[in-house]
Amino acid sequence: MDADDFLPRRGDSDALALLAKQDLDPFSVSELEERIAILTAEIERTKQKIFKAVNHKTSADALFKK
């Protein structure tokens, strides 16, 4: 079990919604660049999860169609 399993998946406390609402004006250019790097890494992690889920489903479908 990951620590992320304890975080809410949806709702008013949704981290993505809070992140999207955050005022970016107080951040410096370097802080914004760091934020972009972190978000880009998270996007890649999410894409990998989607790929694995689709690949797993395709493998399962192929197994049960035989």
PDB file of N, CA and C in Angstrom:
ATOM      1  N   MET A   1       0.848  -1.175   0.000  1.00  0.00           N
ATOM      2  CA  MET A   1       0.000   0.000   0.000  1.00  0.00           C
ATOM      3  C   MET A   1       0.893   1.238   0.000  1.00  0.00           C
ATOM      4  N   ASP A   2       0.614   2.149  -0.924  1.00  0.00           N
ATOM      5  CA  ASP A   2       1.359   3.403  -1.008  1.00  0.00           C
ATOM      6  C   ASP A   2       0.780   4.435  -0.041  1.00  0.00           C
ATOM      7  N   ALA A   3       1.585   5.412   0.286  1.00  0.00           N
ATOM      8  CA  ALA A   3       1.094   6.520   1.113  1.00  0.00           C
ATOM      9  C   ALA A   3      -0.022   7.264   0.386  1.00  0.00           C
ATOM     10  N   ASP A   4       0.044   7.270  -0.963  1.00  0.00           N
ATOM     11  CA  ASP A   4      -0.995   7.937  -1.754  1.00  0.00           C
ATOM     12  C   ASP A   4      -2.368   7.305  -1.570  1.00  0.00           C
ATOM     13  N   ASP A   5      -2.405   6.040  -1.141  1.00  0.00           N
ATOM     14  CA  ASP A   5      -3.675   5.363  -0.946  1.00  0.00           C
ATOM     15  C   ASP A   5      -4.517   6.008   0.146  1.00  0.00           C
ATOM     16  N   PHE A   6      -3.892   6.789   1.002  1.00  0.00           N
ATOM     17  CA  PHE A   6      -4.611   7.446   2.081  1.00  0.00           C
ATOM     18  C   PHE A   6      -5.168   8.812   1.668  1.00  0.00           C
ATOM     19  N   LEU A   7      -4.765   9.286   0.499  1.00  0.00           N
ATOM     20  CA  LEU A   7      -5.248  10.575   0.014  1.00  0.00           C
ATOM     21  C   LEU A   7      -6.610  10.415  -0.633  1.00  0.00           C
ATOM     22  N   PRO A   8      -7.465  11.428  -0.511  1.00  0.00           N
ATOM     23  CA  PRO A   8      -8.768  11.335  -1.171  1.00  0.00           C
ATOM     24  C   PRO A   8      -8.596  11.340  -2.684  1.00  0.00           C
ATOM     25  N   ARG A   9      -9.430  10.608  -3.388  1.00  0.00           N
ATOM     26  CA  ARG A   9      -9.330  10.522  -4.835  1.00  0.00           C
ATOM     27  C   ARG A   9     -10.057  11.684  -5.510  1.00  0.00           C
ATOM     28  N   ARG A  10     -11.147  12.123  -4.951  1.00  0.00           N
ATOM     29  CA  ARG A  10     -11.942  13.196  -5.544  1.00  0.00           C
ATOM     30  C   ARG A  10     -12.562  14.038  -4.433  1.00  0.00           C
ATOM     31  N   GLY A  11     -13.221  15.107  -4.838  1.00  0.00           N
ATOM     32  CA  GLY A  11     -13.947  15.898  -3.868  1.00  0.00           C
ATOM     33  C   GLY A  11     -13.389  17.292  -3.710  1.00  0.00           C
ATOM     34  N   ASP A  12     -13.894  17.979  -2.717  1.00  0.00           N
ATOM     35  CA  ASP A  12     -13.495  19.363  -2.474  1.00  0.00           C
ATOM     36  C   ASP A  12     -12.016  19.494  -2.138  1.00  0.00           C
ATOM     37  N   SER A  13     -11.424  18.469  -1.581  1.00  0.00           N
ATOM     38  CA  SER A  13     -10.016  18.536  -1.207  1.00  0.00           C
ATOM     39  C   SER A  13      -9.114  17.974  -2.305  1.00  0.00           C
ATOM     40  N   ASP A  14      -9.650  17.818  -3.492  1.00  0.00           N
ATOM     41  CA  ASP A  14      -8.878  17.284  -4.608  1.00  0.00           C
ATOM     42  C   ASP A  14      -7.628  18.140  -4.823  1.00  0.00           C
ATOM     43  N   ALA A  15      -6.470  17.517  -4.715  1.00  0.00           N
ATOM     44  CA  ALA A  15      -5.199  18.238  -4.825  1.00  0.00           C
ATOM     45  C   ALA A  15      -5.046  18.924  -6.175  1.00  0.00           C
ATOM     46  N   LEU A  16      -5.531  18.299  -7.236  1.00  0.00           N
ATOM     47  CA  LEU A  16      -5.420  18.913  -8.561  1.00  0.00           C
ATOM     48  C   LEU A  16      -6.260  20.183  -8.663  1.00  0.00           C
ATOM     49  N   ALA A  17      -7.443  20.153  -8.095  1.00  0.00           N
ATOM     50  CA  ALA A  17      -8.302  21.336  -8.124  1.00  0.00           C
ATOM     51  C   ALA A  17      -7.672  22.477  -7.326  1.00  0.00           C
ATOM     52  N   LEU A  18      -7.106  22.140  -6.180  1.00  0.00           N
ATOM     53  CA  LEU A  18      -6.441  23.156  -5.364  1.00  0.00           C
ATOM     54  C   LEU A  18      -5.219  23.718  -6.086  1.00  0.00           C
ATOM     55  N   LEU A  19      -4.480  22.854  -6.739  1.00  0.00           N
ATOM     56  CA  LEU A  19      -3.293  23.272  -7.480  1.00  0.00           C
ATOM     57  C   LEU A  19      -3.675  24.220  -8.619  1.00  0.00           C
ATOM     58  N   ALA A  20      -4.750  23.896  -9.314  1.00  0.00           N
ATOM     59  CA  ALA A  20      -5.193  24.720 -10.440  1.00  0.00           C
ATOM     60  C   ALA A  20      -5.683  26.105  -9.990  1.00  0.00           C
ATOM     61  N   LYS A  21      -6.153  26.197  -8.765  1.00  0.00           N
ATOM     62  CA  LYS A  21      -6.667  27.462  -8.241  1.00  0.00           C
ATOM     63  C   LYS A  21      -5.587  28.330  -7.602  1.00  0.00           C
ATOM     64  N   GLN A  22      -4.423  27.752  -7.387  1.00  0.00           N
ATOM     65  CA  GLN A  22      -3.363  28.471  -6.675  1.00  0.00           C
ATOM     66  C   GLN A  22      -2.888  29.689  -7.465  1.00  0.00           C
ATOM     67  N   ASP A  23      -2.749  30.812  -6.789  1.00  0.00           N
ATOM     68  CA  ASP A  23      -2.254  32.049  -7.394  1.00  0.00           C
ATOM     69  C   ASP A  23      -0.769  31.892  -7.694  1.00  0.00           C
ATOM     70  N   LEU A  24      -0.393  32.099  -8.947  1.00  0.00           N
ATOM     71  CA  LEU A  24       1.003  31.922  -9.351  1.00  0.00           C
ATOM     72  C   LEU A  24       1.827  33.207  -9.232  1.00  0.00           C
ATOM     73  N   ASP A  25       1.179  34.318  -8.967  1.00  0.00           N
ATOM     74  CA  ASP A  25       1.884  35.601  -8.902  1.00  0.00           C
ATOM     75  C   ASP A  25       3.028  35.646  -7.880  1.00  0.00           C
ATOM     76  N   PRO A  26       2.880  35.033  -6.714  1.00  0.00           N
ATOM     77  CA  PRO A  26       3.964  35.127  -5.726  1.00  0.00           C
ATOM     78  C   PRO A  26       5.218  34.314  -6.080  1.00  0.00           C
ATOM     79  N   PHE A  27       5.147  33.455  -7.063  1.00  0.00           N
ATOM     80  CA  PHE A  27       6.265  32.571  -7.378  1.00  0.00           C
ATOM     81  C   PHE A  27       7.289  33.257  -8.273  1.00  0.00           C
ATOM     82  N   SER A  28       8.557  32.927  -8.050  1.00  0.00           N
ATOM     83  CA  SER A  28       9.631  33.420  -8.906  1.00  0.00           C
ATOM     84  C   SER A  28       9.684  32.569 -10.178  1.00  0.00           C
ATOM     85  N   VAL A  29      10.445  33.024 -11.148  1.00  0.00           N
ATOM     86  CA  VAL A  29      10.599  32.281 -12.394  1.00  0.00           C
ATOM     87  C   VAL A  29      11.182  30.898 -12.108  1.00  0.00           C
ATOM     88  N   SER A  30      12.188  30.819 -11.264  1.00  0.00           N
ATOM     89  CA  SER A  30      12.795  29.515 -10.965  1.00  0.00           C
ATOM     90  C   SER A  30      11.800  28.594 -10.258  1.00  0.00           C
ATOM     91  N   GLU A  31      10.976  29.143  -9.385  1.00  0.00           N
ATOM     92  CA  GLU A  31       9.958  28.336  -8.715  1.00  0.00           C
ATOM     93  C   GLU A  31       8.920  27.839  -9.715  1.00  0.00           C
ATOM     94  N   LEU A  32       8.562  28.681 -10.669  1.00  0.00           N
ATOM     95  CA  LEU A  32       7.610  28.269 -11.698  1.00  0.00           C
ATOM     96  C   LEU A  32       8.203  27.197 -12.601  1.00  0.00           C
ATOM     97  N   GLU A  33       9.489  27.329 -12.928  1.00  0.00           N
ATOM     98  CA  GLU A  33      10.157  26.308 -13.732  1.00  0.00           C
ATOM     99  C   GLU A  33      10.224  24.979 -12.991  1.00  0.00           C
ATOM    100  N   GLU A  34      10.481  25.038 -11.698  1.00  0.00           N
ATOM    101  CA  GLU A  34      10.500  23.828 -10.880  1.00  0.00           C
ATOM    102  C   GLU A  34       9.109  23.197 -10.846  1.00  0.00           C
ATOM    103  N   ARG A  35       8.103  24.032 -10.727  1.00  0.00           N
ATOM    104  CA  ARG A  35       6.716  23.552 -10.727  1.00  0.00           C
ATOM    105  C   ARG A  35       6.398  22.836 -12.039  1.00  0.00           C
ATOM    106  N   ILE A  36       6.824  23.423 -13.156  1.00  0.00           N
ATOM    107  CA  ILE A  36       6.602  22.806 -14.466  1.00  0.00           C
ATOM    108  C   ILE A  36       7.302  21.452 -14.534  1.00  0.00           C
ATOM    109  N   ALA A  37       8.522  21.363 -14.042  1.00  0.00           N
ATOM    110  CA  ALA A  37       9.269  20.101 -14.057  1.00  0.00           C
ATOM    111  C   ALA A  37       8.539  19.029 -13.242  1.00  0.00           C
ATOM    112  N   ILE A  38       8.040  19.410 -12.086  1.00  0.00           N
ATOM    113  CA  ILE A  38       7.323  18.465 -11.232  1.00  0.00           C
ATOM    114  C   ILE A  38       6.024  18.020 -11.900  1.00  0.00           C
ATOM    115  N   LEU A  39       5.297  18.963 -12.469  1.00  0.00           N
ATOM    116  CA  LEU A  39       4.041  18.625 -13.139  1.00  0.00           C
ATOM    117  C   LEU A  39       4.286  17.766 -14.374  1.00  0.00           C
ATOM    118  N   THR A  40       5.352  18.053 -15.106  1.00  0.00           N
ATOM    119  CA  THR A  40       5.700  17.254 -16.278  1.00  0.00           C
ATOM    120  C   THR A  40       6.015  15.812 -15.867  1.00  0.00           C
ATOM    121  N   ALA A  41       6.744  15.648 -14.778  1.00  0.00           N
ATOM    122  CA  ALA A  41       7.053  14.311 -14.268  1.00  0.00           C
ATOM    123  C   ALA A  41       5.772  13.590 -13.851  1.00  0.00           C
ATOM    124  N   GLU A  42       4.846  14.306 -13.258  1.00  0.00           N
ATOM    125  CA  GLU A  42       3.583  13.704 -12.838  1.00  0.00           C
ATOM    126  C   GLU A  42       2.745  13.309 -14.052  1.00  0.00           C
ATOM    127  N   ILE A  43       2.762  14.114 -15.085  1.00  0.00           N
ATOM    128  CA  ILE A  43       2.061  13.771 -16.325  1.00  0.00           C
ATOM    129  C   ILE A  43       2.648  12.485 -16.911  1.00  0.00           C
ATOM    130  N   GLU A  44       3.954  12.377 -16.936  1.00  0.00           N
ATOM    131  CA  GLU A  44       4.604  11.168 -17.468  1.00  0.00           C
ATOM    132  C   GLU A  44       4.254   9.952 -16.624  1.00  0.00           C
ATOM    133  N   ARG A  45       4.237  10.099 -15.320  1.00  0.00           N
ATOM    134  CA  ARG A  45       3.871   8.994 -14.425  1.00  0.00           C
ATOM    135  C   ARG A  45       2.437   8.543 -14.682  1.00  0.00           C
ATOM    136  N   THR A  46       1.542   9.503 -14.911  1.00  0.00           N
ATOM    137  CA  THR A  46       0.151   9.203 -15.187  1.00  0.00           C
ATOM    138  C   THR A  46       0.001   8.496 -16.530  1.00  0.00           C
ATOM    139  N   LYS A  47       0.742   8.957 -17.546  1.00  0.00           N
ATOM    140  CA  LYS A  47       0.709   8.308 -18.854  1.00  0.00           C
ATOM    141  C   LYS A  47       1.193   6.867 -18.761  1.00  0.00           C
ATOM    142  N   GLN A  48       2.234   6.624 -17.962  1.00  0.00           N
ATOM    143  CA  GLN A  48       2.743   5.268 -17.785  1.00  0.00           C
ATOM    144  C   GLN A  48       1.700   4.376 -17.117  1.00  0.00           C
ATOM    145  N   LYS A  49       0.976   4.920 -16.168  1.00  0.00           N
ATOM    146  CA  LYS A  49      -0.083   4.161 -15.491  1.00  0.00           C
ATOM    147  C   LYS A  49      -1.182   3.807 -16.470  1.00  0.00           C
ATOM    148  N   ILE A  50      -1.574   4.748 -17.311  1.00  0.00           N
ATOM    149  CA  ILE A  50      -2.588   4.484 -18.331  1.00  0.00           C
ATOM    150  C   ILE A  50      -2.096   3.390 -19.273  1.00  0.00           C
ATOM    151  N   PHE A  51      -0.846   3.495 -19.728  1.00  0.00           N
ATOM    152  CA  PHE A  51      -0.282   2.502 -20.640  1.00  0.00           C
ATOM    153  C   PHE A  51      -0.313   1.108 -20.010  1.00  0.00           C
ATOM    154  N   LYS A  52       0.102   1.011 -18.756  1.00  0.00           N
ATOM    155  CA  LYS A  52       0.109  -0.284 -18.073  1.00  0.00           C
ATOM    156  C   LYS A  52      -1.311  -0.832 -17.920  1.00  0.00           C
ATOM    157  N   ALA A  53      -2.257   0.037 -17.600  1.00  0.00           N
ATOM    158  CA  ALA A  53      -3.640  -0.407 -17.424  1.00  0.00           C
ATOM    159  C   ALA A  53      -4.222  -0.913 -18.742  1.00  0.00           C
ATOM    160  N   VAL A  54      -3.974  -0.191 -19.820  1.00  0.00           N
ATOM    161  CA  VAL A  54      -4.477  -0.602 -21.130  1.00  0.00           C
ATOM    162  C   VAL A  54      -3.803  -1.896 -21.563  1.00  0.00           C
ATOM    163  N   ASN A  55      -2.490  -1.999 -21.356  1.00  0.00           N
ATOM    164  CA  ASN A  55      -1.753  -3.195 -21.735  1.00  0.00           C
ATOM    165  C   ASN A  55      -2.236  -4.402 -20.921  1.00  0.00           C
ATOM    166  N   HIS A  56      -2.488  -4.196 -19.643  1.00  0.00           N
ATOM    167  CA  HIS A  56      -2.972  -5.274 -18.778  1.00  0.00           C
ATOM    168  C   HIS A  56      -4.347  -5.752 -19.251  1.00  0.00           C
ATOM    169  N   LYS A  57      -5.216  -4.816 -19.579  1.00  0.00           N
ATOM    170  CA  LYS A  57      -6.559  -5.168 -20.043  1.00  0.00           C
ATOM    171  C   LYS A  57      -6.483  -5.921 -21.363  1.00  0.00           C
ATOM    172  N   THR A  58      -5.622  -5.464 -22.273  1.00  0.00           N
ATOM    173  CA  THR A  58      -5.464  -6.131 -23.553  1.00  0.00           C
ATOM    174  C   THR A  58      -4.959  -7.563 -23.362  1.00  0.00           C
ATOM    175  N   SER A  59      -4.011  -7.734 -22.462  1.00  0.00           N
ATOM    176  CA  SER A  59      -3.480  -9.073 -22.167  1.00  0.00           C
ATOM    177  C   SER A  59      -4.551  -9.985 -21.578  1.00  0.00           C
ATOM    178  N   ALA A  60      -5.338  -9.449 -20.676  1.00  0.00           N
ATOM    179  CA  ALA A  60      -6.418 -10.227 -20.053  1.00  0.00           C
ATOM    180  C   ALA A  60      -7.468 -10.591 -21.092  1.00  0.00           C
ATOM    181  N   ASP A  61      -7.841  -9.647 -21.934  1.00  0.00           N
ATOM    182  CA  ASP A  61      -8.814  -9.925 -22.990  1.00  0.00           C
ATOM    183  C   ASP A  61      -8.318 -11.022 -23.915  1.00  0.00           C
ATOM    184  N   ALA A  62      -7.050 -10.948 -24.293  1.00  0.00           N
ATOM    185  CA  ALA A  62      -6.475 -11.959 -25.178  1.00  0.00           C
ATOM    186  C   ALA A  62      -6.465 -13.326 -24.502  1.00  0.00           C
ATOM    187  N   LEU A  63      -6.170 -13.376 -23.233  1.00  0.00           N
ATOM    188  CA  LEU A  63      -6.113 -14.634 -22.494  1.00  0.00           C
ATOM    189  C   LEU A  63      -7.485 -15.301 -22.439  1.00  0.00           C
ATOM    190  N   PHE A  64      -8.507 -14.534 -22.163  1.00  0.00           N
ATOM    191  CA  PHE A  64      -9.842 -15.097 -21.986  1.00  0.00           C
ATOM    192  C   PHE A  64     -10.584 -15.324 -23.293  1.00  0.00           C
ATOM    193  N   LYS A  65     -10.079 -14.813 -24.405  1.00  0.00           N
ATOM    194  CA  LYS A  65     -10.722 -15.046 -25.699  1.00  0.00           C
ATOM    195  C   LYS A  65     -10.287 -16.370 -26.313  1.00  0.00           C
ATOM    196  N   LYS A  66      -9.246 -16.982 -25.747  1.00  0.00           N
ATOM    197  CA  LYS A  66      -8.759 -18.260 -26.305  1.00  0.00           C
ATOM    198  C   LYS A  66      -9.630 -19.408 -25.903  1.00  0.00           C
TER     199      LYS A  66
END
